Amino acid sequence: MADGRRAAPPAAIPVVASTDVYGDIVERIGADRVDVVSIISDPAQDPHSYEASTRTQLELSKAKVVVENGGGYDDFIDRMLRSSDNSSADVINAVDVSGKAAPAGGQLNEHVWYDLPTMGRLADRIAAALARVEPAGTGTFRENAEEFRDELTDLRTRTDRIKAEHAGMPVAVTEPVPLYLTEACGLVNRTPTAFSEAVEEGDEVSPRTLRETIALFTGGKVEALVYNGQTAGPQTEKVKKAAEDHRIPVVSVTETLPAGQDYIGWMTANVDALQGALSR
C-alpha cells in the first residue's frame, strides 16, 4: 500500500459441517483460510439422536459453505438451512458426491465417510467450493486436496493388501456403519440384516434375530466383530460379550472422530485394527 501498510488478509471462510469428520477434512483443505464449525463432535454422543439448537441455526445462517452427509443421516441441516434465510451457501452433500444409491429392495448405507474413494471426490468438491468463495486461495485448496487424496491412496493400498490376504473372510457388524471399509477389504458381512438395521434405527431386536446373531460366534462362522461403540445398547453389548466369550476379535469403530485424531489417522487406526483382527 502507498502508506507502507500491508493489506489485511481475507477473512476466514465460514464453513459448517454436520460432523467433525467432515469438519476435519474441510480444515485439512482450507487450512487457516477457513473457520469451521462442526455441529456433532462428541465421540460419546449418538449422532442419530442429535437435536439441532438455535446455535446451529445461527452458524448456518452465516455459512458460505456447508458440508452434510445426506442420505437421511443429518436431515436437520437441510431443515435449518431452509429457515435460516441463507440461500447462497454452497451445500455439499457427501452421499450425492458418492453417487451411491439404495440397492433394489434394500436400504442405502449412508455412512459414506467409511468409503475412501468418496472422500477423495469430496475433497475435490470442497476445494472447488472454497475457491469460489476465495479465488486467491484456489492453488492452496487444490494442493491440499491433492495431498489428502494421496494419503487416501496409501490407505487404499493397505485395504487392497488386506483383500489380497483375507478376501471372502466372514465378519459380523453391530450396524452398517463400517461396511464400505469392510467391503473394500474383501470381507463378507454375515450379520442378519434385521439385527443391524434395528440397531441403526434404535428399534428392539427380536429374540429370534438376537439368537441368530449370537450364534455367529460359534463354530467359526465369523472371524471378527466390528462393533460401533458410539451407539451401544443392551443388545449390542450381548453380541459383543458373545464374541469375546468365544475369542472372536472385536474391532471397535465410531461415527465421529475419536478425541485427538484427524480423519486420516482415524481411518489408518481402523484399517490397522482390522488387519490385526484378521491376522491373529
Protein backbone atom coordinates (compact mmCIF):
# COMPACT_ATOMS: atom_id res chain seq x y z
CA MET A 1 0.00 0.00 0.00
CA ALA A 2 1.13 3.62 -0.58
CA ASP A 3 1.47 4.36 3.16
CA GLY A 4 3.55 1.21 3.74
CA ARG A 5 0.83 -0.77 5.45
CA ARG A 6 0.07 -4.31 4.27
CA ALA A 7 -3.39 -5.22 3.11
CA ALA A 8 -5.29 -7.23 5.71
CA PRO A 9 -5.61 -10.92 4.86
CA PRO A 10 -9.07 -12.01 3.71
CA ALA A 11 -11.46 -13.06 6.43
CA ALA A 12 -11.62 -16.80 7.04
CA ILE A 13 -14.39 -18.54 5.11
CA PRO A 14 -17.21 -19.57 7.47
CA VAL A 15 -17.99 -23.27 6.99
CA VAL A 16 -20.46 -25.51 8.81
CA ALA A 17 -20.02 -29.29 8.79
CA SER A 18 -22.63 -31.66 10.17
CA THR A 19 -19.97 -33.75 11.94
CA ASP A 20 -16.35 -33.32 12.88
CA VAL A 21 -15.42 -35.95 10.28
CA TYR A 22 -16.31 -33.51 7.53
CA GLY A 23 -15.10 -30.54 9.56
CA ASP A 24 -11.66 -32.10 9.79
CA ILE A 25 -11.49 -32.66 6.04
CA VAL A 26 -12.51 -29.04 5.40
CA GLU A 27 -9.80 -27.83 7.78
CA ARG A 28 -7.25 -30.04 6.05
CA ILE A 29 -8.09 -28.44 2.68
CA GLY A 30 -8.81 -24.88 3.79
CA ALA A 31 -6.10 -24.61 6.48
CA ASP A 32 -6.06 -21.13 8.01
CA ARG A 33 -8.38 -19.77 5.33
CA VAL A 34 -11.45 -21.42 6.86
CA ASP A 35 -13.38 -21.05 10.11
CA VAL A 36 -15.14 -24.40 10.61
CA VAL A 37 -17.96 -25.24 12.99
CA SER A 38 -18.65 -28.97 13.34
CA ILE A 39 -22.11 -29.45 14.77
CA ILE A 40 -21.68 -33.02 16.05
CA SER A 41 -18.26 -33.54 17.59
CA ASP A 42 -18.73 -35.53 20.80
CA PRO A 43 -17.42 -39.10 20.42
CA ALA A 44 -19.71 -40.16 23.28
CA GLN A 45 -22.84 -38.88 21.53
CA ASP A 46 -25.12 -40.93 19.29
CA PRO A 47 -25.34 -38.79 16.12
CA HIS A 48 -28.75 -40.26 15.29
CA SER A 49 -30.26 -38.67 18.40
CA TYR A 50 -28.89 -35.17 17.83
CA GLU A 51 -31.34 -32.30 18.19
CA ALA A 52 -30.40 -29.07 16.47
CA SER A 53 -30.17 -25.89 18.53
CA THR A 54 -30.52 -22.15 18.00
CA ARG A 55 -26.70 -22.00 17.86
CA THR A 56 -26.83 -24.38 14.89
CA GLN A 57 -29.33 -22.09 13.21
CA LEU A 58 -27.09 -19.07 13.75
CA GLU A 59 -23.97 -20.78 12.39
CA LEU A 60 -25.83 -21.99 9.32
CA SER A 61 -27.18 -18.51 8.64
CA LYS A 62 -23.58 -17.22 8.32
CA ALA A 63 -22.01 -20.12 6.43
CA LYS A 64 -20.58 -19.72 2.94
CA VAL A 65 -20.05 -23.48 2.58
CA VAL A 66 -21.97 -26.29 4.27
CA VAL A 67 -20.89 -29.94 4.25
CA GLU A 68 -23.51 -32.51 5.15
CA ASN A 69 -23.61 -36.27 4.91
CA GLY A 70 -27.06 -36.61 3.36
CA GLY A 71 -28.92 -39.84 2.83
CA GLY A 72 -31.17 -39.12 5.81
CA TYR A 73 -28.29 -39.06 8.27
CA ASP A 74 -28.34 -35.35 9.12
CA ASP A 75 -31.64 -34.04 7.79
CA PHE A 76 -31.62 -31.28 10.42
CA ILE A 77 -29.07 -29.43 8.26
CA ASP A 78 -31.47 -29.06 5.33
CA ARG A 79 -34.41 -28.17 7.58
CA MET A 80 -32.49 -25.45 9.36
CA LEU A 81 -30.93 -24.10 6.18
CA ARG A 82 -34.41 -23.59 4.74
CA SER A 83 -35.41 -21.49 7.72
CA SER A 84 -32.09 -19.67 8.17
CA ASP A 85 -32.57 -17.18 5.33
CA ASN A 86 -29.27 -18.31 3.81
CA SER A 87 -29.96 -19.45 0.27
CA SER A 88 -26.48 -18.58 -1.02
CA ALA A 89 -24.46 -21.18 0.89
CA ASP A 90 -22.76 -23.82 -1.25
CA VAL A 91 -24.15 -27.08 0.18
CA ILE A 92 -22.03 -30.19 -0.37
CA ASN A 93 -23.86 -33.48 0.15
CA ALA A 94 -21.43 -36.38 0.63
CA VAL A 95 -23.95 -39.05 -0.40
CA ASP A 96 -24.62 -37.14 -3.63
CA VAL A 97 -20.87 -36.89 -4.22
CA SER A 98 -20.58 -40.65 -3.69
CA GLY A 99 -23.13 -41.47 -6.38
CA LYS A 100 -24.36 -44.33 -4.22
CA ALA A 101 -28.00 -45.42 -4.13
CA ALA A 102 -30.05 -47.98 -2.28
CA PRO A 103 -29.88 -51.48 -3.77
CA ALA A 104 -33.09 -52.93 -5.20
CA GLY A 105 -35.33 -53.82 -2.30
CA GLY A 106 -32.74 -52.61 0.23
CA GLN A 107 -31.66 -49.53 2.12
CA LEU A 108 -28.92 -47.05 1.31
CA ASN A 109 -25.88 -47.32 3.56
CA GLU A 110 -25.45 -43.62 4.15
CA HIS A 111 -22.19 -43.91 6.12
CA VAL A 112 -20.10 -42.84 3.14
CA TRP A 113 -17.24 -41.41 5.21
CA TYR A 114 -16.05 -45.02 5.50
CA ASP A 115 -15.74 -45.14 1.69
CA LEU A 116 -12.26 -43.88 0.86
CA PRO A 117 -12.86 -43.14 -2.87
CA THR A 118 -15.86 -40.99 -1.94
CA MET A 119 -13.77 -38.96 0.49
CA GLY A 120 -11.26 -38.29 -2.28
CA ARG A 121 -14.00 -36.91 -4.52
CA LEU A 122 -15.40 -34.95 -1.59
CA ALA A 123 -12.02 -33.29 -1.04
CA ASP A 124 -12.02 -32.03 -4.62
CA ARG A 125 -15.59 -30.78 -4.24
CA ILE A 126 -14.69 -28.91 -1.05
CA ALA A 127 -11.61 -27.36 -2.70
CA ALA A 128 -13.77 -26.11 -5.58
CA ALA A 129 -16.38 -24.65 -3.22
CA LEU A 130 -13.77 -22.81 -1.16
CA ALA A 131 -12.14 -21.48 -4.34
CA ARG A 132 -15.44 -19.98 -5.46
CA VAL A 133 -15.60 -18.03 -2.20
CA GLU A 134 -11.93 -17.05 -2.22
CA PRO A 135 -10.42 -17.33 -5.70
CA ALA A 136 -6.99 -16.23 -4.43
CA GLY A 137 -6.76 -19.42 -2.43
CA THR A 138 -7.52 -21.75 -5.33
CA GLY A 139 -3.98 -23.10 -5.63
CA THR A 140 -3.70 -23.79 -1.92
CA PHE A 141 -7.05 -25.56 -1.79
CA ARG A 142 -6.22 -27.75 -4.77
CA GLU A 143 -2.78 -28.62 -3.43
CA ASN A 144 -4.16 -29.55 -0.02
CA ALA A 145 -6.89 -31.68 -1.59
CA GLU A 146 -4.29 -33.47 -3.71
CA GLU A 147 -2.15 -34.24 -0.66
CA PHE A 148 -5.22 -35.55 1.16
CA ARG A 149 -6.09 -37.78 -1.81
CA ASP A 150 -2.52 -39.10 -1.88
CA GLU A 151 -2.89 -40.20 1.73
CA LEU A 152 -6.21 -41.86 0.89
CA THR A 153 -4.44 -43.70 -1.93
CA ASP A 154 -1.92 -45.02 0.58
CA LEU A 155 -4.81 -46.24 2.74
CA ARG A 156 -6.47 -47.91 -0.23
CA THR A 157 -3.21 -49.74 -0.91
CA ARG A 158 -3.44 -51.13 2.60
CA THR A 159 -7.08 -52.20 2.21
CA ASP A 160 -6.14 -53.86 -1.08
CA ARG A 161 -3.43 -55.78 0.78
CA ILE A 162 -5.98 -57.00 3.34
CA LYS A 163 -8.25 -58.03 0.48
CA ALA A 164 -5.45 -59.99 -1.16
CA GLU A 165 -4.75 -61.83 2.09
CA HIS A 166 -8.26 -62.27 3.52
CA ALA A 167 -10.82 -61.96 0.68
CA GLY A 168 -14.06 -63.76 1.48
CA MET A 169 -13.43 -63.90 5.22
CA PRO A 170 -16.77 -63.63 7.10
CA VAL A 171 -17.35 -60.95 9.73
CA ALA A 172 -20.24 -59.60 11.78
CA VAL A 173 -21.16 -55.97 12.48
CA THR A 174 -23.46 -54.37 15.01
CA GLU A 175 -24.77 -51.95 12.39
CA PRO A 176 -23.93 -50.94 8.79
CA VAL A 177 -21.57 -48.08 9.72
CA PRO A 178 -18.27 -49.75 8.66
CA LEU A 179 -19.48 -51.80 5.70
CA TYR A 180 -17.85 -49.71 2.96
CA LEU A 181 -14.50 -50.27 4.65
CA THR A 182 -15.01 -53.98 5.31
CA GLU A 183 -16.16 -54.49 1.73
CA ALA A 184 -13.06 -52.69 0.44
CA CYS A 185 -11.04 -55.21 2.45
CA GLY A 186 -12.87 -58.06 0.72
CA LEU A 187 -14.72 -59.15 3.86
CA VAL A 188 -18.22 -60.65 3.80
CA ASN A 189 -20.87 -59.46 6.26
CA ARG A 190 -22.78 -62.37 7.80
CA THR A 191 -24.92 -60.32 10.19
CA PRO A 192 -28.69 -60.79 9.89
CA THR A 193 -29.99 -57.66 8.19
CA ALA A 194 -32.83 -57.47 10.70
CA PHE A 195 -30.31 -57.11 13.51
CA SER A 196 -28.07 -54.38 12.07
CA GLU A 197 -30.97 -52.35 10.72
CA ALA A 198 -32.86 -52.50 14.02
CA VAL A 199 -29.78 -51.33 15.91
CA GLU A 200 -29.24 -48.48 13.45
CA GLU A 201 -32.85 -47.32 13.76
CA GLY A 202 -32.89 -47.68 17.54
CA ASP A 203 -35.53 -50.40 17.40
CA GLU A 204 -35.79 -53.52 19.50
CA VAL A 205 -34.20 -56.63 18.05
CA SER A 206 -36.48 -59.66 18.15
CA PRO A 207 -35.34 -62.54 20.38
CA ARG A 208 -35.06 -64.80 17.35
CA THR A 209 -32.85 -62.35 15.45
CA LEU A 210 -30.68 -61.81 18.52
CA ARG A 211 -30.20 -65.58 18.87
CA GLU A 212 -29.27 -65.86 15.19
CA THR A 213 -26.69 -63.08 15.59
CA ILE A 214 -25.15 -64.52 18.74
CA ALA A 215 -24.92 -67.93 17.03
CA LEU A 216 -22.48 -66.40 14.52
CA PHE A 217 -19.74 -66.55 17.13
CA THR A 218 -19.80 -70.32 17.46
CA GLY A 219 -18.31 -72.86 15.07
CA GLY A 220 -16.05 -70.45 13.20
CA LYS A 221 -18.90 -68.75 11.32
CA VAL A 222 -17.22 -65.32 11.54
CA GLU A 223 -13.63 -64.19 12.11
CA ALA A 224 -14.28 -60.80 13.72
CA LEU A 225 -16.99 -58.49 15.07
CA VAL A 226 -16.91 -54.84 14.01
CA TYR A 227 -18.63 -53.02 16.84
CA ASN A 228 -19.95 -49.44 16.84
CA GLY A 229 -19.32 -48.35 20.40
CA GLN A 230 -20.93 -44.96 19.81
CA THR A 231 -24.44 -46.41 19.60
CA ALA A 232 -24.04 -49.29 22.05
CA GLY A 233 -27.02 -50.70 23.92
CA PRO A 234 -28.00 -53.83 25.86
CA GLN A 235 -28.46 -55.94 22.73
CA THR A 236 -25.20 -54.92 21.07
CA GLU A 237 -23.45 -55.50 24.39
CA LYS A 238 -24.80 -59.07 24.43
CA VAL A 239 -23.42 -59.59 20.94
CA LYS A 240 -20.04 -58.15 21.93
CA LYS A 241 -19.90 -60.40 25.01
CA ALA A 242 -20.74 -63.45 22.89
CA ALA A 243 -17.84 -62.61 20.57
CA GLU A 244 -15.45 -62.13 23.47
CA ASP A 245 -16.63 -65.33 25.16
CA HIS A 246 -15.77 -67.28 22.01
CA ARG A 247 -12.45 -65.48 21.50
CA ILE A 248 -13.62 -63.67 18.36
CA PRO A 249 -11.71 -60.38 17.94
CA VAL A 250 -13.77 -57.22 18.40
CA VAL A 251 -12.85 -54.18 16.26
CA SER A 252 -14.35 -51.00 17.70
CA VAL A 253 -15.41 -48.20 15.34
CA THR A 254 -17.18 -44.87 15.80
CA GLU A 255 -19.19 -42.44 13.70
CA THR A 256 -17.31 -39.29 14.69
CA LEU A 257 -13.62 -38.66 15.31
CA PRO A 258 -12.08 -40.10 18.46
CA ALA A 259 -10.58 -37.39 20.66
CA GLY A 260 -7.30 -36.06 19.32
CA GLN A 261 -7.45 -37.79 15.92
CA ASP A 262 -7.85 -36.49 12.39
CA TYR A 263 -9.59 -38.33 9.57
CA ILE A 264 -6.51 -39.99 8.07
CA GLY A 265 -5.19 -41.09 11.47
CA TRP A 266 -8.61 -42.43 12.41
CA MET A 267 -9.05 -44.45 9.24
CA THR A 268 -5.48 -45.71 9.50
CA ALA A 269 -6.23 -46.98 13.01
CA ASN A 270 -9.40 -48.68 11.74
CA VAL A 271 -7.51 -50.42 8.94
CA ASP A 272 -4.75 -51.46 11.35
CA ALA A 273 -7.34 -52.87 13.77
CA LEU A 274 -8.98 -54.91 11.02
CA GLN A 275 -5.64 -56.21 9.83
CA GLY A 276 -4.71 -57.22 13.36
CA ALA A 277 -8.01 -58.97 14.00
CA LEU A 278 -7.87 -60.97 10.78
CA SER A 279 -4.21 -61.93 11.18
CA ARG A 280 -4.42 -63.27 14.72
